[in-house]
Amino acid sequence: MEKFEEVERSIIKKYRKTIWSKFISGIKEYNLIKDGDKIAVCISGGKDSMLMAKCMQQLQKYSEIKFETEYLVMDPGYNPENRQRIIDNAKLLNIPIRIFDTQIFNIVENIEQTPCYLCARMRRGYLYRNAKELGCNKIALGHHFDDAIETVLMSMFYAAEIKTMMPKLHSTNFEGMELIRPMYKIHEEDIISWRKHNGLQFIQCACRFTEHCSIDDEGTSKRAEMKNLIKKMKLINPNVDTNIFRSIHTINLDTIIGYKKDGVQHSFMDDYDNPNVNLQKE
């Protein structure tokens, strides 16, 4: 049995409950893939996007939904070691990647404020553009369950708002394009377990400014702070991560002080004295 076949088998067998079933569940619950879609599966070279690529391949084999895929790798200016690691892993896992080059790292190198934000925005734009040129109508990113709940906490602690990472979005800059996150319900610890079980090594942090953590090192960041916070909270309440995730699906608007919709700020005071509004129980 080839290595890529062993990896595929592990997804369907050993990690059926923790990875494969949750992958399928997310696609069904959020209606991420439809007949006739052509999806650019965006691969950064890390564990999350590589697993997503393998899951998408498996889905094409077994699903009644007929869709096409392109496995797209954008090189923003990786060092030669990281670029080669991506190529080698794609070959090992039988993923037919397309690589295109950009100079994003060079562009953001001298940006003092929010270089990560600018880098992420530029990456997204390049991915949309190249995917559209290939005839795709969707791009798939490898963000997972932990990314989603960490984003909620970061937005609260550092941006003073409650903002979520959506499982799918319509592009506002590329007409007819959509972003989907098929890994949305998969926990990072299960992705790590899958990687270790199969003896795989992926790039972890390929940013030029943090190349010291290029191979399997978590590094430090605001997201890492959230990971550590959730880890500590789970010692007290093991379900805290699941509760955060569920809470963004069950927001009670009757108890919200204010919110934004389509860029317009609203307040509970807008109709507080309106007798036609249902009274809230104390």
C-alpha atoms as a PDB file:
ATOM      1  CA  MET A   1       0.000   0.000   0.000  1.00  0.00           C
ATOM      2  CA  GLU A   2       1.319   3.413  -0.980  1.00  0.00           C
ATOM      3  CA  LYS A   3       1.815   6.060   1.724  1.00  0.00           C
ATOM      4  CA  PHE A   4      -1.008   8.227   0.399  1.00  0.00           C
ATOM      5  CA  GLU A   5      -3.331   5.206   0.511  1.00  0.00           C
ATOM      6  CA  GLU A   6      -2.425   4.612   4.173  1.00  0.00           C
ATOM      7  CA  VAL A   7      -3.185   8.260   4.904  1.00  0.00           C
ATOM      8  CA  GLU A   8      -6.535   8.063   3.115  1.00  0.00           C
ATOM      9  CA  ARG A   9      -7.431   4.879   4.943  1.00  0.00           C
ATOM     10  CA  SER A  10      -6.643   6.496   8.316  1.00  0.00           C
ATOM     11  CA  ILE A  11      -9.099   9.321   7.568  1.00  0.00           C
ATOM     12  CA  ILE A  12     -11.925   6.922   6.743  1.00  0.00           C
ATOM     13  CA  LYS A  13     -11.140   4.291   9.386  1.00  0.00           C
ATOM     14  CA  LYS A  14      -9.189   5.406  12.466  1.00  0.00           C
ATOM     15  CA  TYR A  15     -10.347   9.040  12.319  1.00  0.00           C
ATOM     16  CA  ARG A  16     -13.803   8.391  10.947  1.00  0.00           C
ATOM     17  CA  LYS A  17     -15.583   9.850  13.989  1.00  0.00           C
ATOM     18  CA  THR A  18     -13.270  12.750  14.803  1.00  0.00           C
ATOM     19  CA  ILE A  19     -12.314  13.913  11.299  1.00  0.00           C
ATOM     20  CA  TRP A  20     -14.259  12.349   8.429  1.00  0.00           C
ATOM     21  CA  SER A  21     -17.724  12.494  10.014  1.00  0.00           C
ATOM     22  CA  LYS A  22     -17.211  16.075  11.180  1.00  0.00           C
ATOM     23  CA  PHE A  23     -15.929  17.057   7.738  1.00  0.00           C
ATOM     24  CA  ILE A  24     -19.071  15.638   6.145  1.00  0.00           C
ATOM     25  CA  SER A  25     -21.272  17.152   8.856  1.00  0.00           C
ATOM     26  CA  GLY A  26     -19.888  20.651   8.265  1.00  0.00           C
ATOM     27  CA  ILE A  27     -20.377  20.402   4.510  1.00  0.00           C
ATOM     28  CA  LYS A  28     -23.984  19.273   4.952  1.00  0.00           C
ATOM     29  CA  GLU A  29     -24.954  21.642   7.779  1.00  0.00           C
ATOM     30  CA  TYR A  30     -23.639  24.758   6.039  1.00  0.00           C
ATOM     31  CA  ASN A  31     -24.362  23.557   2.483  1.00  0.00           C
ATOM     32  CA  LEU A  32     -20.772  24.234   1.426  1.00  0.00           C
ATOM     33  CA  ILE A  33     -20.607  22.193  -1.795  1.00  0.00           C
ATOM     34  CA  LYS A  34     -23.175  21.912  -4.572  1.00  0.00           C
ATOM     35  CA  ASP A  35     -23.431  20.028  -7.847  1.00  0.00           C
ATOM     36  CA  GLY A  36     -21.371  21.691 -10.540  1.00  0.00           C
ATOM     37  CA  ASP A  37     -19.021  23.546  -8.199  1.00  0.00           C
ATOM     38  CA  LYS A  38     -15.387  23.941  -9.167  1.00  0.00           C
ATOM     39  CA  ILE A  39     -13.425  24.505  -5.982  1.00  0.00           C
ATOM     40  CA  ALA A  40      -9.901  25.820  -5.534  1.00  0.00           C
ATOM     41  CA  VAL A  41      -8.584  23.934  -2.514  1.00  0.00           C
ATOM     42  CA  CYS A  42      -6.049  26.390  -1.125  1.00  0.00           C
ATOM     43  CA  ILE A  43      -2.962  24.762   0.364  1.00  0.00           C
ATOM     44  CA  SER A  44      -0.572  26.724   2.563  1.00  0.00           C
ATOM     45  CA  GLY A  45       1.563  23.672   3.309  1.00  0.00           C
ATOM     46  CA  GLY A  46       0.468  23.240   6.908  1.00  0.00           C
ATOM     47  CA  LYS A  47      -1.309  20.294   8.507  1.00  0.00           C
ATOM     48  CA  ASP A  48      -4.782  21.836   8.228  1.00  0.00           C
ATOM     49  CA  SER A  49      -4.804  22.572   4.510  1.00  0.00           C
ATOM     50  CA  MET A  50      -3.065  19.294   3.642  1.00  0.00           C
ATOM     51  CA  LEU A  51      -5.678  17.315   5.555  1.00  0.00           C
ATOM     52  CA  MET A  52      -8.415  19.362   3.905  1.00  0.00           C
ATOM     53  CA  ALA A  53      -6.995  18.457   0.494  1.00  0.00           C
ATOM     54  CA  LYS A  54      -7.071  14.741   1.330  1.00  0.00           C
ATOM     55  CA  CYS A  55     -10.625  14.998   2.669  1.00  0.00           C
ATOM     56  CA  MET A  56     -11.741  16.770  -0.497  1.00  0.00           C
ATOM     57  CA  GLN A  57     -10.186  14.002  -2.586  1.00  0.00           C
ATOM     58  CA  GLN A  58     -12.018  11.390  -0.544  1.00  0.00           C
ATOM     59  CA  LEU A  59     -15.269  13.301  -0.848  1.00  0.00           C
ATOM     60  CA  GLN A  60     -14.972  13.301  -4.633  1.00  0.00           C
ATOM     61  CA  LYS A  61     -14.631   9.517  -4.553  1.00  0.00           C
ATOM     62  CA  TYR A  62     -17.673   8.801  -2.408  1.00  0.00           C
ATOM     63  CA  SER A  63     -20.072  11.739  -2.678  1.00  0.00           C
ATOM     64  CA  GLU A  64     -23.154  11.845  -4.876  1.00  0.00           C
ATOM     65  CA  ILE A  65     -22.460  15.555  -5.323  1.00  0.00           C
ATOM     66  CA  LYS A  66     -20.471  16.073  -8.509  1.00  0.00           C
ATOM     67  CA  PHE A  67     -17.860  18.797  -8.275  1.00  0.00           C
ATOM     68  CA  GLU A  68     -14.372  19.584  -9.557  1.00  0.00           C
ATOM     69  CA  THR A  69     -11.251  20.629  -7.659  1.00  0.00           C
ATOM     70  CA  GLU A  70      -8.013  22.483  -8.253  1.00  0.00           C
ATOM     71  CA  TYR A  71      -5.312  22.203  -5.588  1.00  0.00           C
ATOM     72  CA  LEU A  72      -3.817  25.657  -5.424  1.00  0.00           C
ATOM     73  CA  VAL A  73      -0.591  26.664  -3.659  1.00  0.00           C
ATOM     74  CA  MET A  74       0.370  30.305  -3.489  1.00  0.00           C
ATOM     75  CA  ASP A  75       4.036  31.023  -2.761  1.00  0.00           C
ATOM     76  CA  PRO A  76       4.178  34.470  -1.128  1.00  0.00           C
ATOM     77  CA  GLY A  77       7.968  34.288  -0.908  1.00  0.00           C
ATOM     78  CA  TYR A  78       8.712  31.126   1.070  1.00  0.00           C
ATOM     79  CA  ASN A  79      12.304  30.191   1.677  1.00  0.00           C
ATOM     80  CA  PRO A  80      13.501  27.277  -0.517  1.00  0.00           C
ATOM     81  CA  GLU A  81      13.226  24.763   2.353  1.00  0.00           C
ATOM     82  CA  ASN A  82       9.558  25.495   3.011  1.00  0.00           C
ATOM     83  CA  ARG A  83       8.642  25.546  -0.676  1.00  0.00           C
ATOM     84  CA  GLN A  84      10.328  22.182  -1.221  1.00  0.00           C
ATOM     85  CA  ARG A  85       8.599  20.722   1.846  1.00  0.00           C
ATOM     86  CA  ILE A  86       5.225  21.602   0.320  1.00  0.00           C
ATOM     87  CA  ILE A  87       6.174  20.042  -3.026  1.00  0.00           C
ATOM     88  CA  ASP A  88       7.492  16.878  -1.373  1.00  0.00           C
ATOM     89  CA  ASN A  89       4.425  16.459   0.835  1.00  0.00           C
ATOM     90  CA  ALA A  90       2.067  16.984  -2.084  1.00  0.00           C
ATOM     91  CA  LYS A  91       3.881  14.250  -4.005  1.00  0.00           C
ATOM     92  CA  LEU A  92       3.880  11.933  -0.976  1.00  0.00           C
ATOM     93  CA  LEU A  93       0.146  12.454  -0.447  1.00  0.00           C
ATOM     94  CA  ASN A  94      -0.746  12.273  -4.143  1.00  0.00           C
ATOM     95  CA  ILE A  95      -2.128  15.817  -4.263  1.00  0.00           C
ATOM     96  CA  PRO A  96      -1.818  17.357  -7.757  1.00  0.00           C
ATOM     97  CA  ILE A  97      -0.901  20.912  -6.768  1.00  0.00           C
ATOM     98  CA  ARG A  98      -0.591  24.034  -8.916  1.00  0.00           C
ATOM     99  CA  ILE A  99       1.928  26.574  -7.569  1.00  0.00           C
ATOM    100  CA  PHE A 100       1.897  30.247  -8.428  1.00  0.00           C
ATOM    101  CA  ASP A 101       4.343  32.862  -7.170  1.00  0.00           C
ATOM    102  CA  THR A 102       3.723  36.261  -5.609  1.00  0.00           C
ATOM    103  CA  GLN A 103       5.924  38.841  -3.876  1.00  0.00           C
ATOM    104  CA  ILE A 104       3.683  39.390  -0.863  1.00  0.00           C
ATOM    105  CA  PHE A 105       6.449  38.981   1.719  1.00  0.00           C
ATOM    106  CA  ASN A 106       8.556  41.591  -0.082  1.00  0.00           C
ATOM    107  CA  ILE A 107       5.627  43.997  -0.211  1.00  0.00           C
ATOM    108  CA  VAL A 108       4.727  43.774   3.490  1.00  0.00           C
ATOM    109  CA  GLU A 109       8.327  43.510   4.711  1.00  0.00           C
ATOM    110  CA  ASN A 110       8.606  47.213   5.530  1.00  0.00           C
ATOM    111  CA  ILE A 111       5.067  47.663   6.844  1.00  0.00           C
ATOM    112  CA  GLU A 112       5.307  48.581  10.529  1.00  0.00           C
ATOM    113  CA  GLN A 113       1.628  48.455  11.449  1.00  0.00           C
ATOM    114  CA  THR A 114      -0.604  45.388  10.924  1.00  0.00           C
ATOM    115  CA  PRO A 115       1.649  43.585   8.397  1.00  0.00           C
ATOM    116  CA  CYS A 116      -0.142  40.298   9.156  1.00  0.00           C
ATOM    117  CA  TYR A 117      -3.525  41.826   8.322  1.00  0.00           C
ATOM    118  CA  LEU A 118      -2.230  43.230   5.037  1.00  0.00           C
ATOM    119  CA  CYS A 119      -0.520  39.929   4.195  1.00  0.00           C
ATOM    120  CA  ALA A 120      -3.732  37.961   4.844  1.00  0.00           C
ATOM    121  CA  ARG A 121      -5.798  40.371   2.719  1.00  0.00           C
ATOM    122  CA  MET A 122      -3.340  40.157  -0.157  1.00  0.00           C
ATOM    123  CA  ARG A 123      -3.164  36.365   0.034  1.00  0.00           C
ATOM    124  CA  ARG A 124      -6.943  36.141  -0.144  1.00  0.00           C
ATOM    125  CA  GLY A 125      -7.036  38.430  -3.164  1.00  0.00           C
ATOM    126  CA  TYR A 126      -4.405  36.464  -5.059  1.00  0.00           C
ATOM    127  CA  LEU A 127      -6.175  33.187  -4.287  1.00  0.00           C
ATOM    128  CA  TYR A 128      -9.525  34.501  -5.502  1.00  0.00           C
ATOM    129  CA  ARG A 129      -7.972  35.913  -8.667  1.00  0.00           C
ATOM    130  CA  ASN A 130      -6.061  32.767  -9.611  1.00  0.00           C
ATOM    131  CA  ALA A 131      -8.981  30.506  -8.703  1.00  0.00           C
ATOM    132  CA  LYS A 132     -11.305  32.526 -10.908  1.00  0.00           C
ATOM    133  CA  GLU A 133      -8.833  32.322 -13.804  1.00  0.00           C
ATOM    134  CA  LEU A 134      -8.984  28.523 -13.456  1.00  0.00           C
ATOM    135  CA  GLY A 135     -12.771  28.637 -13.752  1.00  0.00           C
ATOM    136  CA  CYS A 136     -13.470  28.049 -10.056  1.00  0.00           C
ATOM    137  CA  ASN A 137     -16.476  29.519  -8.289  1.00  0.00           C
ATOM    138  CA  LYS A 138     -15.264  28.757  -4.756  1.00  0.00           C
ATOM    139  CA  ILE A 139     -12.068  28.734  -2.725  1.00  0.00           C
ATOM    140  CA  ALA A 140     -11.715  26.366   0.237  1.00  0.00           C
ATOM    141  CA  LEU A 141      -9.597  27.349   3.241  1.00  0.00           C
ATOM    142  CA  GLY A 142      -8.406  25.047   6.017  1.00  0.00           C
ATOM    143  CA  HIS A 143      -9.623  26.943   9.090  1.00  0.00           C
ATOM    144  CA  HIS A 144     -10.913  24.587  11.773  1.00  0.00           C
ATOM    145  CA  PHE A 145     -13.042  24.526  14.949  1.00  0.00           C
ATOM    146  CA  ASP A 146     -10.290  26.012  17.132  1.00  0.00           C
ATOM    147  CA  ASP A 147      -9.661  28.847  14.663  1.00  0.00           C
ATOM    148  CA  ALA A 148     -13.362  29.709  14.859  1.00  0.00           C
ATOM    149  CA  ILE A 149     -13.608  29.933  18.648  1.00  0.00           C
ATOM    150  CA  GLU A 150     -10.247  31.686  19.004  1.00  0.00           C
ATOM    151  CA  THR A 151     -11.448  34.322  16.546  1.00  0.00           C
ATOM    152  CA  VAL A 152     -14.495  34.987  18.727  1.00  0.00           C
ATOM    153  CA  LEU A 153     -12.339  35.566  21.809  1.00  0.00           C
ATOM    154  CA  MET A 154      -9.770  37.709  19.962  1.00  0.00           C
ATOM    155  CA  SER A 155     -12.504  39.947  18.586  1.00  0.00           C
ATOM    156  CA  MET A 156     -13.940  40.428  22.079  1.00  0.00           C
ATOM    157  CA  PHE A 157     -10.625  41.011  23.867  1.00  0.00           C
ATOM    158  CA  TYR A 158      -8.789  43.076  21.268  1.00  0.00           C
ATOM    159  CA  ALA A 159     -11.416  44.582  18.928  1.00  0.00           C
ATOM    160  CA  ALA A 160     -14.250  45.214  21.413  1.00  0.00           C
ATOM    161  CA  GLU A 161     -16.802  43.423  19.256  1.00  0.00           C
ATOM    162  CA  ILE A 162     -18.268  39.961  18.854  1.00  0.00           C
ATOM    163  CA  LYS A 163     -17.208  38.741  15.445  1.00  0.00           C
ATOM    164  CA  THR A 164     -17.117  35.187  14.150  1.00  0.00           C
ATOM    165  CA  MET A 165     -15.254  33.284  11.468  1.00  0.00           C
ATOM    166  CA  MET A 166     -18.057  32.290   9.103  1.00  0.00           C
ATOM    167  CA  PRO A 167     -18.202  28.778   7.547  1.00  0.00           C
ATOM    168  CA  LYS A 168     -18.846  30.396   4.155  1.00  0.00           C
ATOM    169  CA  LEU A 169     -18.851  33.883   2.652  1.00  0.00           C
ATOM    170  CA  HIS A 170     -19.689  35.534  -0.651  1.00  0.00           C
ATOM    171  CA  SER A 171     -16.751  37.534  -1.975  1.00  0.00           C
ATOM    172  CA  THR A 172     -17.373  41.266  -2.090  1.00  0.00           C
ATOM    173  CA  ASN A 173     -14.521  41.919  -4.534  1.00  0.00           C
ATOM    174  CA  PHE A 174     -14.754  38.952  -6.904  1.00  0.00           C
ATOM    175  CA  GLU A 175     -18.237  38.567  -8.311  1.00  0.00           C
ATOM    176  CA  GLY A 176     -19.597  35.032  -8.300  1.00  0.00           C
ATOM    177  CA  MET A 177     -16.863  33.750  -5.984  1.00  0.00           C
ATOM    178  CA  GLU A 178     -17.435  32.209  -2.570  1.00  0.00           C
ATOM    179  CA  LEU A 179     -15.174  31.193   0.311  1.00  0.00           C
ATOM    180  CA  ILE A 180     -15.891  27.948   2.165  1.00  0.00           C
ATOM    181  CA  ARG A 181     -14.323  26.350   5.247  1.00  0.00           C
ATOM    182  CA  PRO A 182     -14.916  22.564   5.093  1.00  0.00           C
ATOM    183  CA  MET A 183     -12.809  21.925   8.238  1.00  0.00           C
ATOM    184  CA  TYR A 184     -15.034  24.167  10.363  1.00  0.00           C
ATOM    185  CA  LYS A 185     -16.176  21.443  12.793  1.00  0.00           C
ATOM    186  CA  ILE A 186     -12.870  19.542  13.102  1.00  0.00           C
ATOM    187  CA  HIS A 187     -10.808  20.040  16.274  1.00  0.00           C
ATOM    188  CA  GLU A 188      -7.143  20.904  15.939  1.00  0.00           C
ATOM    189  CA  GLU A 189      -6.091  18.217  18.419  1.00  0.00           C
ATOM    190  CA  ASP A 190      -7.532  15.584  16.074  1.00  0.00           C
ATOM    191  CA  ILE A 191      -5.665  17.059  13.110  1.00  0.00           C
ATOM    192  CA  ILE A 192      -2.440  16.882  15.131  1.00  0.00           C
ATOM    193  CA  SER A 193      -3.224  13.289  16.105  1.00  0.00           C
ATOM    194  CA  TRP A 194      -3.801  12.405  12.428  1.00  0.00           C
ATOM    195  CA  ARG A 195      -0.490  14.004  11.449  1.00  0.00           C
ATOM    196  CA  LYS A 196       1.460  12.161  14.145  1.00  0.00           C
ATOM    197  CA  HIS A 197      -0.266   8.843  13.445  1.00  0.00           C
ATOM    198  CA  ASN A 198       0.843   9.010   9.823  1.00  0.00           C
ATOM    199  CA  GLY A 199       4.344  10.297  10.624  1.00  0.00           C
ATOM    200  CA  LEU A 200       3.881  13.441   8.539  1.00  0.00           C
ATOM    201  CA  GLN A 201       5.860  16.680   8.858  1.00  0.00           C
ATOM    202  CA  PHE A 202       4.373  19.909   7.530  1.00  0.00           C
ATOM    203  CA  ILE A 203       5.491  23.508   7.608  1.00  0.00           C
ATOM    204  CA  GLN A 204       3.999  25.337  10.577  1.00  0.00           C
ATOM    205  CA  CYS A 205       4.847  29.009  10.271  1.00  0.00           C
ATOM    206  CA  ALA A 206       6.362  30.012   6.942  1.00  0.00           C
ATOM    207  CA  CYS A 207       6.250  33.769   7.403  1.00  0.00           C
ATOM    208  CA  ARG A 208       9.579  35.423   6.619  1.00  0.00           C
ATOM    209  CA  PHE A 209       9.394  37.352   9.886  1.00  0.00           C
ATOM    210  CA  THR A 210       9.066  34.182  11.982  1.00  0.00           C
ATOM    211  CA  GLU A 211      11.142  31.687  10.023  1.00  0.00           C
ATOM    212  CA  HIS A 212      12.668  30.421  13.253  1.00  0.00           C
ATOM    213  CA  CYS A 213       9.380  28.545  13.794  1.00  0.00           C
ATOM    214  CA  SER A 214       9.118  27.246  10.225  1.00  0.00           C
ATOM    215  CA  ILE A 215       8.875  23.565  11.133  1.00  0.00           C
ATOM    216  CA  ASP A 216       6.391  22.340  13.748  1.00  0.00           C
ATOM    217  CA  ASP A 217       6.608  25.202  16.231  1.00  0.00           C
ATOM    218  CA  GLU A 218       3.577  27.050  17.518  1.00  0.00           C
ATOM    219  CA  GLY A 219       5.368  30.374  17.937  1.00  0.00           C
ATOM    220  CA  THR A 220       3.762  33.259  19.843  1.00  0.00           C
ATOM    221  CA  SER A 221       0.793  35.369  18.800  1.00  0.00           C
ATOM    222  CA  LYS A 222      -2.559  36.659  19.978  1.00  0.00           C
ATOM    223  CA  ARG A 223      -4.059  33.432  18.642  1.00  0.00           C
ATOM    224  CA  ALA A 224      -1.583  31.452  20.754  1.00  0.00           C
ATOM    225  CA  GLU A 225      -2.751  33.454  23.777  1.00  0.00           C
ATOM    226  CA  MET A 226      -6.314  32.358  23.078  1.00  0.00           C
ATOM    227  CA  LYS A 227      -5.216  28.727  22.710  1.00  0.00           C
ATOM    228  CA  ASN A 228      -3.546  28.858  26.104  1.00  0.00           C
ATOM    229  CA  LEU A 229      -6.530  30.592  27.696  1.00  0.00           C
ATOM    230  CA  ILE A 230      -8.988  27.999  26.382  1.00  0.00           C
ATOM    231  CA  LYS A 231      -6.654  25.207  27.497  1.00  0.00           C
ATOM    232  CA  LYS A 232      -6.653  26.584  31.055  1.00  0.00           C
ATOM    233  CA  MET A 233     -10.418  27.075  31.058  1.00  0.00           C
ATOM    234  CA  LYS A 234     -10.950  23.481  29.937  1.00  0.00           C
ATOM    235  CA  LEU A 235      -9.236  22.297  33.124  1.00  0.00           C
ATOM    236  CA  ILE A 236     -12.233  23.745  34.964  1.00  0.00           C
ATOM    237  CA  ASN A 237     -14.912  23.057  32.349  1.00  0.00           C
ATOM    238  CA  PRO A 238     -13.986  20.455  29.686  1.00  0.00           C
ATOM    239  CA  ASN A 239     -16.880  21.638  27.489  1.00  0.00           C
ATOM    240  CA  VAL A 240     -15.865  25.295  27.352  1.00  0.00           C
ATOM    241  CA  ASP A 241     -14.633  25.141  23.734  1.00  0.00           C
ATOM    242  CA  THR A 242     -17.807  23.428  22.542  1.00  0.00           C
ATOM    243  CA  ASN A 243     -19.908  25.951  24.476  1.00  0.00           C
ATOM    244  CA  ILE A 244     -18.139  28.873  22.784  1.00  0.00           C
ATOM    245  CA  PHE A 245     -18.728  27.265  19.390  1.00  0.00           C
ATOM    246  CA  ARG A 246     -22.404  26.605  20.103  1.00  0.00           C
ATOM    247  CA  SER A 247     -22.931  30.101  21.489  1.00  0.00           C
ATOM    248  CA  ILE A 248     -22.233  31.719  18.110  1.00  0.00           C
ATOM    249  CA  HIS A 249     -24.993  29.542  16.640  1.00  0.00           C
ATOM    250  CA  THR A 250     -27.545  30.482  19.324  1.00  0.00           C
ATOM    251  CA  ILE A 251     -27.139  34.217  19.960  1.00  0.00           C
ATOM    252  CA  ASN A 252     -30.195  35.535  21.782  1.00  0.00           C
ATOM    253  CA  LEU A 253     -30.951  38.880  20.097  1.00  0.00           C
ATOM    254  CA  ASP A 254     -33.474  39.729  22.827  1.00  0.00           C
ATOM    255  CA  THR A 255     -30.571  40.229  25.206  1.00  0.00           C
ATOM    256  CA  ILE A 256     -28.131  42.074  22.929  1.00  0.00           C
ATOM    257  CA  ILE A 257     -27.398  45.733  23.762  1.00  0.00           C
ATOM    258  CA  GLY A 258     -26.312  46.641  20.254  1.00  0.00           C
ATOM    259  CA  TYR A 259     -25.376  45.110  16.936  1.00  0.00           C
ATOM    260  CA  LYS A 260     -24.369  45.980  13.383  1.00  0.00           C
ATOM    261  CA  LYS A 261     -26.252  44.837  10.287  1.00  0.00           C
ATOM    262  CA  ASP A 262     -25.051  45.762   6.793  1.00  0.00           C
ATOM    263  CA  GLY A 263     -22.797  48.392   8.322  1.00  0.00           C
ATOM    264  CA  VAL A 264     -25.623  50.078  10.272  1.00  0.00           C
ATOM    265  CA  GLN A 265     -25.419  50.250  14.056  1.00  0.00           C
ATOM    266  CA  HIS A 266     -28.567  49.235  15.972  1.00  0.00           C
ATOM    267  CA  SER A 267     -29.425  49.474  19.665  1.00  0.00           C
ATOM    268  CA  PHE A 268     -31.977  47.799  21.891  1.00  0.00           C
ATOM    269  CA  MET A 269     -33.069  51.357  22.732  1.00  0.00           C
ATOM    270  CA  ASP A 270     -34.361  51.840  19.168  1.00  0.00           C
ATOM    271  CA  ASP A 271     -37.651  50.116  19.983  1.00  0.00           C
ATOM    272  CA  TYR A 272     -37.431  49.717  23.746  1.00  0.00           C
ATOM    273  CA  ASP A 273     -40.544  51.827  24.389  1.00  0.00           C
ATOM    274  CA  ASN A 274     -42.489  50.406  21.469  1.00  0.00           C
ATOM    275  CA  PRO A 275     -45.599  48.711  22.974  1.00  0.00           C
ATOM    276  CA  ASN A 276     -45.809  46.386  19.957  1.00  0.00           C
ATOM    277  CA  VAL A 277     -42.475  44.790  20.783  1.00  0.00           C
ATOM    278  CA  ASN A 278     -42.746  41.606  22.823  1.00  0.00           C
ATOM    279  CA  LEU A 279     -41.827  42.142  26.437  1.00  0.00           C
ATOM    280  CA  GLN A 280     -38.819  40.205  27.677  1.00  0.00           C
ATOM    281  CA  LYS A 281     -39.121  38.119  30.799  1.00  0.00           C
ATOM    282  CA  GLU A 282     -37.051  39.373  33.710  1.00  0.00           C
END
